Amino acid sequence: MKKVAVILSGSGVFDGTEVNEAVLTFLALEQNQIHYETFAPNAPQAHVINHLTGDVMEESRNVLIESNRITRSTTKDIAVLEHSDFDALLFIGGFGAAKNLSDFAFSEKNYTIDRAVLSLIKAFHENSKFVVGLCITPLLLAAAIPELKLTLGNDADIASMLNSKGHQHIECPTQECVLDEANKVITTPAYMTGTSVLDVHHGVQATIKLLSEKL
């Protein structure tokens, strides 16, 4: 059975992992008979957001601990992830990717990504293994792999930024995905464009089905 390492960034769309995307991804992986394990950085979140009001809360939370809320306590420290144990690497969206796995939410076009995340993406890529990015996480891949063909949906500003860095941004509807065969990268917009769980479900299903066919 093929194995995929899934990277989370907390719990909750505004400061961590997008929970719907996570559950839909886990379901799609199981439906395609792909084994997966989840990982997250053992580090403080950039901040904590009140998901009712959108306000920043005066408290501190840990990315790894919060990620385990989604996975029923099975998520491991990203530091123990070995690329040799897995056939592919997959990133689930949510603003945690832009706040905890990178500083894109704060630095925008001058963003950098977490050192461990950067090393992992490069390790999978250099060993000719697939890397998958949902929602906003293709930005992580774009910081580690040159000249990608990828999508974050249809945001003109993000497309312009990525194209200026030597990538090829492809407009893509929520229900579909983009394959970069040469770089072994698959991306899908998910909630970058999606307005319903059903639409995001179709996009995630298409992505994981394609991954399954390529593994």
N, C-alpha and C. Protein backbone atom coordinates (compact mmCIF):
# COMPACT_ATOMS: atom_id res chain seq x y z
N MET A 1 0.84 -1.20 0.00
CA MET A 1 0.00 0.00 0.00
C MET A 1 0.88 1.25 0.00
N LYS A 2 0.53 2.20 -0.86
CA LYS A 2 1.27 3.45 -0.92
C LYS A 2 1.04 4.28 0.34
N LYS A 3 2.05 5.09 0.69
CA LYS A 3 2.00 5.88 1.91
C LYS A 3 2.25 7.35 1.61
N VAL A 4 1.42 8.20 2.21
CA VAL A 4 1.54 9.65 2.02
C VAL A 4 1.72 10.33 3.38
N ALA A 5 2.66 11.25 3.44
CA ALA A 5 2.84 12.09 4.63
C ALA A 5 2.04 13.36 4.44
N VAL A 6 1.13 13.63 5.38
CA VAL A 6 0.25 14.80 5.29
C VAL A 6 0.68 15.82 6.35
N ILE A 7 0.86 17.07 5.92
CA ILE A 7 1.32 18.12 6.82
C ILE A 7 0.15 19.03 7.22
N LEU A 8 -0.01 19.19 8.52
CA LEU A 8 -1.04 20.07 9.10
C LEU A 8 -0.36 21.29 9.71
N SER A 9 -1.17 22.30 10.04
CA SER A 9 -0.60 23.56 10.55
C SER A 9 -1.41 24.14 11.70
N GLY A 10 -2.08 23.27 12.47
CA GLY A 10 -2.94 23.72 13.54
C GLY A 10 -4.37 23.25 13.30
N SER A 11 -5.32 23.89 13.94
CA SER A 11 -6.72 23.49 13.79
C SER A 11 -7.63 24.70 13.69
N GLY A 12 -8.16 24.94 12.50
CA GLY A 12 -9.04 26.08 12.30
C GLY A 12 -8.56 26.94 11.15
N VAL A 13 -9.45 27.32 10.26
CA VAL A 13 -9.06 27.95 9.00
C VAL A 13 -8.26 29.23 9.17
N PHE A 14 -8.55 30.03 10.21
CA PHE A 14 -7.94 31.35 10.30
C PHE A 14 -6.57 31.37 10.95
N ASP A 15 -6.21 30.32 11.66
CA ASP A 15 -4.88 30.28 12.29
C ASP A 15 -4.21 28.92 12.19
N GLY A 16 -4.84 27.98 11.47
CA GLY A 16 -4.29 26.64 11.38
C GLY A 16 -4.75 25.92 10.12
N THR A 17 -5.04 24.64 10.25
CA THR A 17 -5.50 23.82 9.13
C THR A 17 -6.97 24.03 8.86
N GLU A 18 -7.35 24.06 7.58
CA GLU A 18 -8.76 24.10 7.21
C GLU A 18 -9.35 22.71 7.47
N VAL A 19 -10.25 22.61 8.42
CA VAL A 19 -10.71 21.32 8.91
C VAL A 19 -11.47 20.54 7.85
N ASN A 20 -12.33 21.19 7.08
CA ASN A 20 -13.07 20.49 6.03
C ASN A 20 -12.10 19.87 5.02
N GLU A 21 -11.10 20.64 4.62
CA GLU A 21 -10.12 20.11 3.67
C GLU A 21 -9.40 18.89 4.24
N ALA A 22 -9.09 18.95 5.52
CA ALA A 22 -8.40 17.83 6.15
C ALA A 22 -9.25 16.57 6.12
N VAL A 23 -10.49 16.67 6.56
CA VAL A 23 -11.37 15.50 6.61
C VAL A 23 -11.63 14.95 5.21
N LEU A 24 -11.89 15.84 4.26
CA LEU A 24 -12.12 15.39 2.88
C LEU A 24 -10.89 14.69 2.31
N THR A 25 -9.71 15.19 2.66
CA THR A 25 -8.48 14.57 2.18
C THR A 25 -8.28 13.19 2.79
N PHE A 26 -8.49 13.07 4.09
CA PHE A 26 -8.33 11.77 4.74
C PHE A 26 -9.31 10.75 4.14
N LEU A 27 -10.53 11.19 3.90
CA LEU A 27 -11.54 10.30 3.32
C LEU A 27 -11.12 9.87 1.92
N ALA A 28 -10.67 10.81 1.11
CA ALA A 28 -10.27 10.50 -0.26
C ALA A 28 -9.08 9.55 -0.29
N LEU A 29 -8.12 9.75 0.61
CA LEU A 29 -6.97 8.86 0.68
C LEU A 29 -7.40 7.44 1.01
N GLU A 30 -8.28 7.30 2.00
CA GLU A 30 -8.75 5.97 2.38
C GLU A 30 -9.55 5.32 1.25
N GLN A 31 -10.37 6.13 0.58
CA GLN A 31 -11.17 5.59 -0.52
C GLN A 31 -10.28 5.08 -1.66
N ASN A 32 -9.11 5.68 -1.81
CA ASN A 32 -8.17 5.26 -2.85
C ASN A 32 -7.11 4.29 -2.31
N GLN A 33 -7.35 3.78 -1.12
CA GLN A 33 -6.49 2.78 -0.49
C GLN A 33 -5.04 3.26 -0.38
N ILE A 34 -4.90 4.51 0.03
CA ILE A 34 -3.59 5.10 0.29
C ILE A 34 -3.44 5.30 1.79
N HIS A 35 -2.43 4.70 2.37
CA HIS A 35 -2.16 4.89 3.80
C HIS A 35 -1.57 6.29 4.02
N TYR A 36 -1.93 6.94 5.10
CA TYR A 36 -1.36 8.25 5.39
C TYR A 36 -1.03 8.40 6.87
N GLU A 37 -0.07 9.25 7.14
CA GLU A 37 0.26 9.67 8.49
C GLU A 37 0.35 11.19 8.48
N THR A 38 0.01 11.80 9.60
CA THR A 38 0.00 13.26 9.67
C THR A 38 1.11 13.79 10.56
N PHE A 39 1.60 14.98 10.18
CA PHE A 39 2.71 15.61 10.89
C PHE A 39 2.46 17.11 10.99
N ALA A 40 3.07 17.73 11.99
CA ALA A 40 2.97 19.18 12.16
C ALA A 40 4.17 19.67 12.97
N PRO A 41 4.54 20.93 12.81
CA PRO A 41 5.65 21.47 13.59
C PRO A 41 5.31 21.55 15.08
N ASN A 42 6.26 21.20 15.90
CA ASN A 42 6.10 21.34 17.35
C ASN A 42 6.59 22.74 17.72
N ALA A 43 5.73 23.73 17.48
CA ALA A 43 6.11 25.14 17.61
C ALA A 43 4.88 25.98 17.94
N PRO A 44 5.08 27.17 18.50
CA PRO A 44 3.94 28.04 18.78
C PRO A 44 3.28 28.53 17.50
N GLN A 45 1.95 28.69 17.54
CA GLN A 45 1.26 29.34 16.43
C GLN A 45 1.66 30.80 16.35
N ALA A 46 1.54 31.37 15.16
CA ALA A 46 1.83 32.79 15.00
C ALA A 46 0.92 33.62 15.88
N HIS A 47 -0.35 33.23 15.94
CA HIS A 47 -1.32 33.82 16.86
C HIS A 47 -2.54 32.92 16.90
N VAL A 48 -3.46 33.25 17.79
CA VAL A 48 -4.70 32.47 17.93
C VAL A 48 -5.87 33.37 17.57
N ILE A 49 -6.73 32.88 16.69
CA ILE A 49 -7.88 33.65 16.23
C ILE A 49 -9.17 33.12 16.83
N ASN A 50 -10.00 34.00 17.32
CA ASN A 50 -11.35 33.64 17.73
C ASN A 50 -12.17 33.41 16.46
N HIS A 51 -12.54 32.16 16.22
CA HIS A 51 -13.20 31.83 14.96
C HIS A 51 -14.67 32.27 14.92
N LEU A 52 -15.18 32.81 16.02
CA LEU A 52 -16.52 33.39 16.02
C LEU A 52 -16.48 34.86 15.59
N THR A 53 -15.49 35.60 16.11
CA THR A 53 -15.44 37.04 15.86
C THR A 53 -14.35 37.46 14.88
N GLY A 54 -13.34 36.61 14.69
CA GLY A 54 -12.21 36.97 13.84
C GLY A 54 -11.13 37.75 14.57
N ASP A 55 -11.31 37.98 15.87
CA ASP A 55 -10.34 38.75 16.64
C ASP A 55 -9.16 37.89 17.08
N VAL A 56 -7.99 38.54 17.24
CA VAL A 56 -6.83 37.86 17.81
C VAL A 56 -7.04 37.71 19.30
N MET A 57 -6.76 36.52 19.82
CA MET A 57 -6.94 36.23 21.23
C MET A 57 -5.61 36.33 21.97
N GLU A 58 -5.67 36.72 23.22
CA GLU A 58 -4.47 36.87 24.04
C GLU A 58 -4.12 35.53 24.69
N GLU A 59 -3.69 34.60 23.86
CA GLU A 59 -3.24 33.31 24.36
C GLU A 59 -2.29 32.70 23.36
N SER A 60 -1.60 31.64 23.78
CA SER A 60 -0.65 30.96 22.92
C SER A 60 -1.05 29.50 22.77
N ARG A 61 -0.94 28.97 21.55
CA ARG A 61 -1.22 27.56 21.31
C ARG A 61 -0.10 26.96 20.47
N ASN A 62 0.03 25.64 20.55
CA ASN A 62 1.08 24.91 19.87
C ASN A 62 0.53 24.26 18.60
N VAL A 63 1.24 24.39 17.49
CA VAL A 63 0.77 23.88 16.20
C VAL A 63 0.55 22.38 16.24
N LEU A 64 1.48 21.65 16.83
CA LEU A 64 1.37 20.19 16.89
C LEU A 64 0.19 19.76 17.76
N ILE A 65 0.05 20.37 18.92
CA ILE A 65 -1.05 20.02 19.83
C ILE A 65 -2.40 20.31 19.17
N GLU A 66 -2.51 21.48 18.55
CA GLU A 66 -3.78 21.84 17.90
C GLU A 66 -4.09 20.93 16.72
N SER A 67 -3.09 20.53 15.97
CA SER A 67 -3.31 19.64 14.82
C SER A 67 -3.90 18.31 15.27
N ASN A 68 -3.53 17.88 16.46
CA ASN A 68 -4.04 16.60 16.97
C ASN A 68 -5.52 16.65 17.30
N ARG A 69 -6.11 17.83 17.37
CA ARG A 69 -7.56 17.93 17.54
C ARG A 69 -8.27 17.32 16.33
N ILE A 70 -7.68 17.46 15.15
CA ILE A 70 -8.31 17.00 13.92
C ILE A 70 -8.15 15.49 13.74
N THR A 71 -7.01 14.96 14.16
CA THR A 71 -6.64 13.59 13.82
C THR A 71 -6.80 12.60 14.96
N ARG A 72 -7.52 12.99 15.99
CA ARG A 72 -7.75 12.08 17.12
C ARG A 72 -6.44 11.61 17.73
N SER A 73 -5.52 12.59 17.88
CA SER A 73 -4.27 12.40 18.62
C SER A 73 -3.25 11.51 17.93
N THR A 74 -3.22 11.51 16.59
CA THR A 74 -2.27 10.68 15.87
C THR A 74 -1.19 11.47 15.13
N THR A 75 -1.26 12.80 15.18
CA THR A 75 -0.30 13.62 14.45
C THR A 75 1.04 13.66 15.19
N LYS A 76 2.13 13.48 14.42
CA LYS A 76 3.47 13.44 14.99
C LYS A 76 4.24 14.71 14.68
N ASP A 77 5.33 14.90 15.41
CA ASP A 77 6.23 16.02 15.19
C ASP A 77 6.85 15.91 13.79
N ILE A 78 6.83 16.99 13.05
CA ILE A 78 7.38 16.99 11.69
C ILE A 78 8.88 16.64 11.70
N ALA A 79 9.53 16.82 12.84
CA ALA A 79 10.96 16.54 12.94
C ALA A 79 11.29 15.06 12.75
N VAL A 80 10.31 14.17 12.97
CA VAL A 80 10.58 12.73 12.85
C VAL A 80 10.21 12.20 11.46
N LEU A 81 9.73 13.06 10.57
CA LEU A 81 9.30 12.62 9.24
C LEU A 81 10.52 12.35 8.36
N GLU A 82 10.60 11.14 7.83
CA GLU A 82 11.67 10.75 6.91
C GLU A 82 11.08 10.53 5.52
N HIS A 83 11.60 11.22 4.53
CA HIS A 83 11.04 11.10 3.18
C HIS A 83 11.13 9.68 2.65
N SER A 84 12.10 8.92 3.12
CA SER A 84 12.28 7.55 2.64
C SER A 84 11.15 6.62 3.08
N ASP A 85 10.36 7.03 4.05
CA ASP A 85 9.26 6.20 4.56
C ASP A 85 7.96 6.40 3.77
N PHE A 86 7.93 7.37 2.85
CA PHE A 86 6.68 7.73 2.19
C PHE A 86 6.87 7.87 0.68
N ASP A 87 5.75 7.72 -0.02
CA ASP A 87 5.74 7.82 -1.47
C ASP A 87 5.38 9.22 -1.96
N ALA A 88 4.78 10.04 -1.10
CA ALA A 88 4.38 11.39 -1.50
C ALA A 88 4.22 12.26 -0.25
N LEU A 89 4.24 13.56 -0.49
CA LEU A 89 4.08 14.56 0.56
C LEU A 89 2.88 15.42 0.20
N LEU A 90 1.99 15.69 1.16
CA LEU A 90 0.76 16.44 0.87
C LEU A 90 0.53 17.51 1.93
N PHE A 91 0.23 18.71 1.47
CA PHE A 91 -0.06 19.84 2.36
C PHE A 91 -1.53 20.22 2.27
N ILE A 92 -2.18 20.32 3.43
CA ILE A 92 -3.57 20.75 3.51
C ILE A 92 -3.61 22.24 3.82
N GLY A 93 -4.62 22.94 3.26
CA GLY A 93 -4.68 24.38 3.37
C GLY A 93 -5.17 24.92 4.70
N GLY A 94 -5.53 26.17 4.68
CA GLY A 94 -5.83 26.93 5.89
C GLY A 94 -4.76 27.98 6.09
N PHE A 95 -5.09 29.06 6.80
CA PHE A 95 -4.14 30.15 6.97
C PHE A 95 -2.94 29.76 7.83
N GLY A 96 -3.01 28.61 8.49
CA GLY A 96 -1.83 28.12 9.20
C GLY A 96 -0.65 27.93 8.28
N ALA A 97 -0.92 27.58 7.02
CA ALA A 97 0.16 27.43 6.05
C ALA A 97 0.84 28.77 5.78
N ALA A 98 0.08 29.85 5.86
CA ALA A 98 0.61 31.19 5.60
C ALA A 98 1.09 31.88 6.86
N LYS A 99 0.86 31.25 8.02
CA LYS A 99 1.24 31.87 9.29
C LYS A 99 2.19 31.01 10.12
N ASN A 100 2.01 29.68 10.05
CA ASN A 100 2.82 28.79 10.87
C ASN A 100 3.84 28.00 10.07
N LEU A 101 3.53 27.70 8.81
CA LEU A 101 4.48 26.99 7.95
C LEU A 101 5.29 27.96 7.09
N SER A 102 4.84 29.21 7.05
CA SER A 102 5.55 30.27 6.34
C SER A 102 5.13 31.59 6.96
N ASP A 103 5.68 32.69 6.43
CA ASP A 103 5.27 34.02 6.90
C ASP A 103 4.56 34.79 5.79
N PHE A 104 3.95 34.07 4.85
CA PHE A 104 3.31 34.73 3.72
C PHE A 104 2.23 35.72 4.17
N ALA A 105 1.49 35.37 5.21
CA ALA A 105 0.41 36.25 5.68
C ALA A 105 0.94 37.60 6.15
N PHE A 106 2.22 37.65 6.51
CA PHE A 106 2.79 38.88 7.05
C PHE A 106 3.77 39.54 6.09
N SER A 107 4.45 38.74 5.26
CA SER A 107 5.50 39.27 4.39
C SER A 107 5.11 39.29 2.92
N GLU A 108 4.02 38.62 2.57
CA GLU A 108 3.51 38.54 1.21
C GLU A 108 4.61 38.14 0.22
N LYS A 109 4.87 38.92 -0.82
CA LYS A 109 5.76 38.46 -1.90
C LYS A 109 7.18 38.19 -1.42
N ASN A 110 7.57 38.73 -0.27
CA ASN A 110 8.91 38.50 0.27
C ASN A 110 8.93 37.37 1.30
N TYR A 111 7.93 36.51 1.23
CA TYR A 111 7.77 35.47 2.25
C TYR A 111 8.88 34.41 2.19
N THR A 112 9.06 33.78 3.34
CA THR A 112 9.94 32.61 3.45
C THR A 112 9.13 31.50 4.12
N ILE A 113 9.62 30.25 3.99
CA ILE A 113 8.89 29.15 4.60
C ILE A 113 9.74 28.50 5.69
N ASP A 114 9.06 27.80 6.58
CA ASP A 114 9.72 27.12 7.69
C ASP A 114 10.85 26.23 7.17
N ARG A 115 11.96 26.22 7.88
CA ARG A 115 13.15 25.50 7.43
C ARG A 115 12.90 24.01 7.27
N ALA A 116 12.18 23.42 8.23
CA ALA A 116 11.89 21.99 8.15
C ALA A 116 10.98 21.67 6.98
N VAL A 117 10.01 22.54 6.73
CA VAL A 117 9.10 22.36 5.60
C VAL A 117 9.87 22.46 4.29
N LEU A 118 10.76 23.44 4.20
CA LEU A 118 11.58 23.61 3.01
C LEU A 118 12.42 22.37 2.74
N SER A 119 13.05 21.84 3.77
CA SER A 119 13.90 20.66 3.61
C SER A 119 13.10 19.45 3.16
N LEU A 120 11.89 19.31 3.70
CA LEU A 120 11.06 18.17 3.33
C LEU A 120 10.62 18.24 1.86
N ILE A 121 10.15 19.39 1.45
CA ILE A 121 9.72 19.54 0.05
C ILE A 121 10.87 19.23 -0.89
N LYS A 122 12.04 19.77 -0.59
CA LYS A 122 13.21 19.52 -1.43
C LYS A 122 13.59 18.04 -1.44
N ALA A 123 13.50 17.39 -0.28
CA ALA A 123 13.88 15.98 -0.19
C ALA A 123 12.95 15.11 -1.03
N PHE A 124 11.65 15.35 -0.93
CA PHE A 124 10.69 14.57 -1.74
C PHE A 124 10.91 14.85 -3.23
N HIS A 125 11.07 16.13 -3.56
CA HIS A 125 11.24 16.50 -4.96
C HIS A 125 12.52 15.91 -5.55
N GLU A 126 13.61 16.03 -4.81
CA GLU A 126 14.90 15.55 -5.31
C GLU A 126 14.94 14.03 -5.44
N ASN A 127 14.04 13.35 -4.73
CA ASN A 127 13.96 11.90 -4.83
C ASN A 127 12.81 11.44 -5.73
N SER A 128 12.35 12.37 -6.58
CA SER A 128 11.33 12.09 -7.61
C SER A 128 10.04 11.54 -7.01
N LYS A 129 9.62 12.12 -5.89
CA LYS A 129 8.36 11.74 -5.26
C LYS A 129 7.36 12.87 -5.41
N PHE A 130 6.09 12.52 -5.50
CA PHE A 130 5.06 13.53 -5.71
C PHE A 130 4.88 14.42 -4.48
N VAL A 131 4.61 15.69 -4.75
CA VAL A 131 4.26 16.65 -3.71
C VAL A 131 2.93 17.29 -4.11
N VAL A 132 2.00 17.34 -3.15
CA VAL A 132 0.64 17.81 -3.43
C VAL A 132 0.34 19.02 -2.55
N GLY A 133 -0.28 20.05 -3.14
CA GLY A 133 -0.64 21.24 -2.38
C GLY A 133 -2.09 21.62 -2.57
N LEU A 134 -2.83 21.72 -1.48
CA LEU A 134 -4.23 22.15 -1.51
C LEU A 134 -4.32 23.61 -1.09
N CYS A 135 -5.27 24.32 -1.69
CA CYS A 135 -5.63 25.66 -1.23
C CYS A 135 -4.45 26.62 -1.37
N ILE A 136 -4.00 27.21 -0.27
CA ILE A 136 -2.93 28.20 -0.31
C ILE A 136 -1.55 27.56 -0.27
N THR A 137 -1.47 26.25 0.02
CA THR A 137 -0.17 25.62 0.24
C THR A 137 0.72 25.50 -0.99
N PRO A 138 0.22 25.63 -2.23
CA PRO A 138 1.17 25.68 -3.34
C PRO A 138 2.22 26.78 -3.20
N LEU A 139 1.93 27.81 -2.42
CA LEU A 139 2.94 28.83 -2.15
C LEU A 139 4.16 28.24 -1.46
N LEU A 140 3.95 27.23 -0.63
CA LEU A 140 5.08 26.56 0.02
C LEU A 140 5.93 25.84 -1.01
N LEU A 141 5.26 25.16 -1.94
CA LEU A 141 5.96 24.41 -2.97
C LEU A 141 6.74 25.36 -3.88
N ALA A 142 6.14 26.52 -4.16
CA ALA A 142 6.77 27.50 -5.05
C ALA A 142 8.04 28.10 -4.45
N ALA A 143 8.15 28.06 -3.12
CA ALA A 143 9.34 28.58 -2.46
C ALA A 143 10.48 27.58 -2.43
N ALA A 144 10.16 26.32 -2.78
CA ALA A 144 11.17 25.26 -2.67
C ALA A 144 11.56 24.65 -4.01
N ILE A 145 10.65 24.72 -5.00
CA ILE A 145 10.88 24.06 -6.29
C ILE A 145 10.79 25.12 -7.39
N PRO A 146 11.80 25.24 -8.23
CA PRO A 146 11.75 26.27 -9.29
C PRO A 146 10.88 25.86 -10.46
N GLU A 147 10.36 26.87 -11.14
CA GLU A 147 9.66 26.72 -12.43
C GLU A 147 8.53 25.69 -12.37
N LEU A 148 7.64 25.91 -11.44
CA LEU A 148 6.48 25.03 -11.28
C LEU A 148 5.32 25.46 -12.17
N LYS A 149 4.51 24.50 -12.56
CA LYS A 149 3.17 24.75 -13.09
C LYS A 149 2.22 24.42 -11.96
N LEU A 150 1.43 25.39 -11.52
CA LEU A 150 0.62 25.19 -10.32
C LEU A 150 -0.59 26.10 -10.33
N THR A 151 -1.49 25.88 -9.36
CA THR A 151 -2.67 26.74 -9.25
C THR A 151 -2.97 27.08 -7.80
N LEU A 152 -3.47 28.29 -7.62
CA LEU A 152 -4.12 28.69 -6.38
C LEU A 152 -5.51 29.22 -6.71
N GLY A 153 -6.04 28.78 -7.85
CA GLY A 153 -7.38 29.20 -8.25
C GLY A 153 -7.35 30.27 -9.31
N ASN A 154 -7.81 31.48 -8.96
CA ASN A 154 -7.91 32.54 -9.97
C ASN A 154 -7.55 33.92 -9.43
N ASP A 155 -6.76 33.97 -8.36
CA ASP A 155 -6.36 35.26 -7.79
C ASP A 155 -5.29 35.90 -8.67
N ALA A 156 -5.61 37.03 -9.25
CA ALA A 156 -4.71 37.68 -10.21
C ALA A 156 -3.41 38.15 -9.55
N ASP A 157 -3.49 38.67 -8.33
CA ASP A 157 -2.30 39.18 -7.66
C ASP A 157 -1.33 38.05 -7.33
N ILE A 158 -1.87 36.94 -6.81
CA ILE A 158 -1.01 35.79 -6.49
C ILE A 158 -0.42 35.21 -7.77
N ALA A 159 -1.23 35.13 -8.82
CA ALA A 159 -0.75 34.61 -10.10
C ALA A 159 0.40 35.46 -10.62
N SER A 160 0.25 36.78 -10.54
CA SER A 160 1.29 37.69 -11.02
C SER A 160 2.58 37.51 -10.22
N MET A 161 2.44 37.37 -8.89
CA MET A 161 3.61 37.18 -8.05
C MET A 161 4.34 35.89 -8.40
N LEU A 162 3.58 34.80 -8.55
CA LEU A 162 4.20 33.51 -8.86
C LEU A 162 4.85 33.53 -10.24
N ASN A 163 4.17 34.13 -11.20
CA ASN A 163 4.74 34.21 -12.54
C ASN A 163 6.03 35.03 -12.55
N SER A 164 6.08 36.07 -11.71
CA SER A 164 7.28 36.91 -11.64
C SER A 164 8.46 36.16 -11.04
N LYS A 165 8.17 35.09 -10.31
CA LYS A 165 9.22 34.27 -9.70
C LYS A 165 9.60 33.08 -10.58
N GLY A 166 9.09 33.05 -11.80
CA GLY A 166 9.48 32.01 -12.73
C GLY A 166 8.55 30.82 -12.80
N HIS A 167 7.42 30.88 -12.09
CA HIS A 167 6.45 29.79 -12.12
C HIS A 167 5.38 30.07 -13.18
N GLN A 168 4.56 29.08 -13.44
CA GLN A 168 3.44 29.24 -14.38
C GLN A 168 2.14 28.98 -13.63
N HIS A 169 1.43 30.04 -13.30
CA HIS A 169 0.17 29.87 -12.59
C HIS A 169 -0.95 29.58 -13.58
N ILE A 170 -1.73 28.53 -13.28
CA ILE A 170 -2.83 28.10 -14.14
C ILE A 170 -4.15 28.36 -13.41
N GLU A 171 -5.06 29.10 -14.04
CA GLU A 171 -6.39 29.26 -13.45
C GLU A 171 -7.09 27.91 -13.43
N CYS A 172 -7.77 27.63 -12.32
CA CYS A 172 -8.36 26.30 -12.16
C CYS A 172 -9.62 26.41 -11.30
N PRO A 173 -10.72 25.80 -11.72
CA PRO A 173 -11.92 25.78 -10.90
C PRO A 173 -11.76 24.89 -9.68
N THR A 174 -12.59 25.10 -8.69
CA THR A 174 -12.51 24.37 -7.43
C THR A 174 -12.53 22.87 -7.61
N GLN A 175 -13.33 22.39 -8.55
CA GLN A 175 -13.56 20.95 -8.71
C GLN A 175 -12.44 20.22 -9.43
N GLU A 176 -11.41 20.96 -9.87
CA GLU A 176 -10.36 20.34 -10.67
C GLU A 176 -8.99 20.54 -10.03
N CYS A 177 -7.96 20.03 -10.69
CA CYS A 177 -6.61 20.16 -10.18
C CYS A 177 -5.65 20.35 -11.35
N VAL A 178 -4.43 20.73 -11.03
CA VAL A 178 -3.40 20.97 -12.05
C VAL A 178 -2.23 20.04 -11.79
N LEU A 179 -1.79 19.35 -12.83
CA LEU A 179 -0.65 18.44 -12.75
C LEU A 179 0.57 19.06 -13.42
N ASP A 180 1.67 19.10 -12.69
CA ASP A 180 2.98 19.43 -13.26
C ASP A 180 3.72 18.10 -13.35
N GLU A 181 3.63 17.47 -14.49
CA GLU A 181 4.20 16.13 -14.67
C GLU A 181 5.71 16.14 -14.48
N ALA A 182 6.37 17.16 -15.01
CA ALA A 182 7.83 17.21 -14.95
C ALA A 182 8.34 17.30 -13.51
N ASN A 183 7.66 18.06 -12.68
CA ASN A 183 8.10 18.25 -11.30
C ASN A 183 7.38 17.34 -10.31
N LYS A 184 6.45 16.54 -10.80
CA LYS A 184 5.66 15.65 -9.95
C LYS A 184 4.96 16.43 -8.84
N VAL A 185 4.21 17.43 -9.26
CA VAL A 185 3.46 18.29 -8.33
C VAL A 185 2.01 18.36 -8.78
N ILE A 186 1.08 18.21 -7.83
CA ILE A 186 -0.35 18.34 -8.09
C ILE A 186 -0.90 19.40 -7.15
N THR A 187 -1.69 20.33 -7.69
CA THR A 187 -2.27 21.39 -6.86
C THR A 187 -3.75 21.55 -7.20
N THR A 188 -4.51 22.02 -6.21
CA THR A 188 -5.94 22.26 -6.40
C THR A 188 -6.36 23.45 -5.54
N PRO A 189 -7.31 24.29 -5.99
CA PRO A 189 -7.63 25.52 -5.27
C PRO A 189 -8.33 25.32 -3.92
N ALA A 190 -9.17 24.27 -3.82
CA ALA A 190 -9.97 24.05 -2.60
C ALA A 190 -10.67 25.36 -2.20
N TYR A 191 -10.50 25.79 -0.94
CA TYR A 191 -11.23 26.97 -0.47
C TYR A 191 -10.62 28.30 -0.92
N MET A 192 -9.57 28.27 -1.75
CA MET A 192 -9.14 29.53 -2.36
C MET A 192 -10.23 30.05 -3.30
N THR A 193 -11.01 29.12 -3.86
CA THR A 193 -12.12 29.50 -4.73
C THR A 193 -13.44 28.88 -4.29
N GLY A 194 -13.39 27.80 -3.55
CA GLY A 194 -14.58 27.05 -3.21
C GLY A 194 -15.50 27.78 -2.26
N THR A 195 -16.81 27.59 -2.47
CA THR A 195 -17.80 28.18 -1.58
C THR A 195 -18.68 27.12 -0.92
N SER A 196 -18.48 25.87 -1.30
CA SER A 196 -19.27 24.79 -0.71
C SER A 196 -18.39 23.59 -0.43
N VAL A 197 -18.77 22.81 0.56
CA VAL A 197 -18.03 21.59 0.88
C VAL A 197 -18.06 20.63 -0.31
N LEU A 198 -19.19 20.60 -1.02
CA LEU A 198 -19.32 19.68 -2.15
C LEU A 198 -18.32 20.01 -3.25
N ASP A 199 -18.18 21.29 -3.59
CA ASP A 199 -17.23 21.67 -4.63
C ASP A 199 -15.80 21.32 -4.22
N VAL A 200 -15.46 21.63 -2.97
CA VAL A 200 -14.12 21.30 -2.48
C VAL A 200 -13.91 19.79 -2.47
N HIS A 201 -14.95 19.06 -2.10
CA HIS A 201 -14.89 17.59 -2.12
C HIS A 201 -14.52 17.09 -3.51
N HIS A 202 -15.16 17.63 -4.54
CA HIS A 202 -14.87 17.19 -5.90
C HIS A 202 -13.42 17.48 -6.29
N GLY A 203 -12.92 18.64 -5.90
CA GLY A 203 -11.54 18.99 -6.20
C GLY A 203 -10.54 18.10 -5.47
N VAL A 204 -10.81 17.83 -4.20
CA VAL A 204 -9.93 16.95 -3.43
C VAL A 204 -9.97 15.54 -3.99
N GLN A 205 -11.17 15.07 -4.33
CA GLN A 205 -11.31 13.73 -4.90
C GLN A 205 -10.51 13.62 -6.21
N ALA A 206 -10.62 14.63 -7.06
CA ALA A 206 -9.89 14.62 -8.33
C ALA A 206 -8.38 14.59 -8.09
N THR A 207 -7.95 15.34 -7.10
CA THR A 207 -6.51 15.42 -6.78
C THR A 207 -5.99 14.08 -6.27
N ILE A 208 -6.69 13.48 -5.33
CA ILE A 208 -6.22 12.22 -4.74
C ILE A 208 -6.34 11.08 -5.74
N LYS A 209 -7.37 11.10 -6.55
CA LYS A 209 -7.50 10.08 -7.60
C LYS A 209 -6.32 10.16 -8.56
N LEU A 210 -5.96 11.37 -8.97
CA LEU A 210 -4.82 11.55 -9.86
C LEU A 210 -3.54 11.10 -9.18
N LEU A 211 -3.37 11.46 -7.92
CA LEU A 211 -2.19 11.03 -7.17
C LEU A 211 -2.11 9.51 -7.14
N SER A 212 -3.24 8.87 -6.85
CA SER A 212 -3.29 7.41 -6.78
C SER A 212 -2.86 6.78 -8.10
N GLU A 213 -3.28 7.36 -9.20
CA GLU A 213 -2.93 6.84 -10.51
C GLU A 213 -1.45 7.01 -10.82
N LYS A 214 -0.84 8.05 -10.23
CA LYS A 214 0.56 8.34 -10.52
C LYS A 214 1.54 7.61 -9.61
N LEU A 215 1.05 7.17 -8.46
CA LEU A 215 1.96 6.51 -7.50
C LEU A 215 2.27 5.08 -7.95
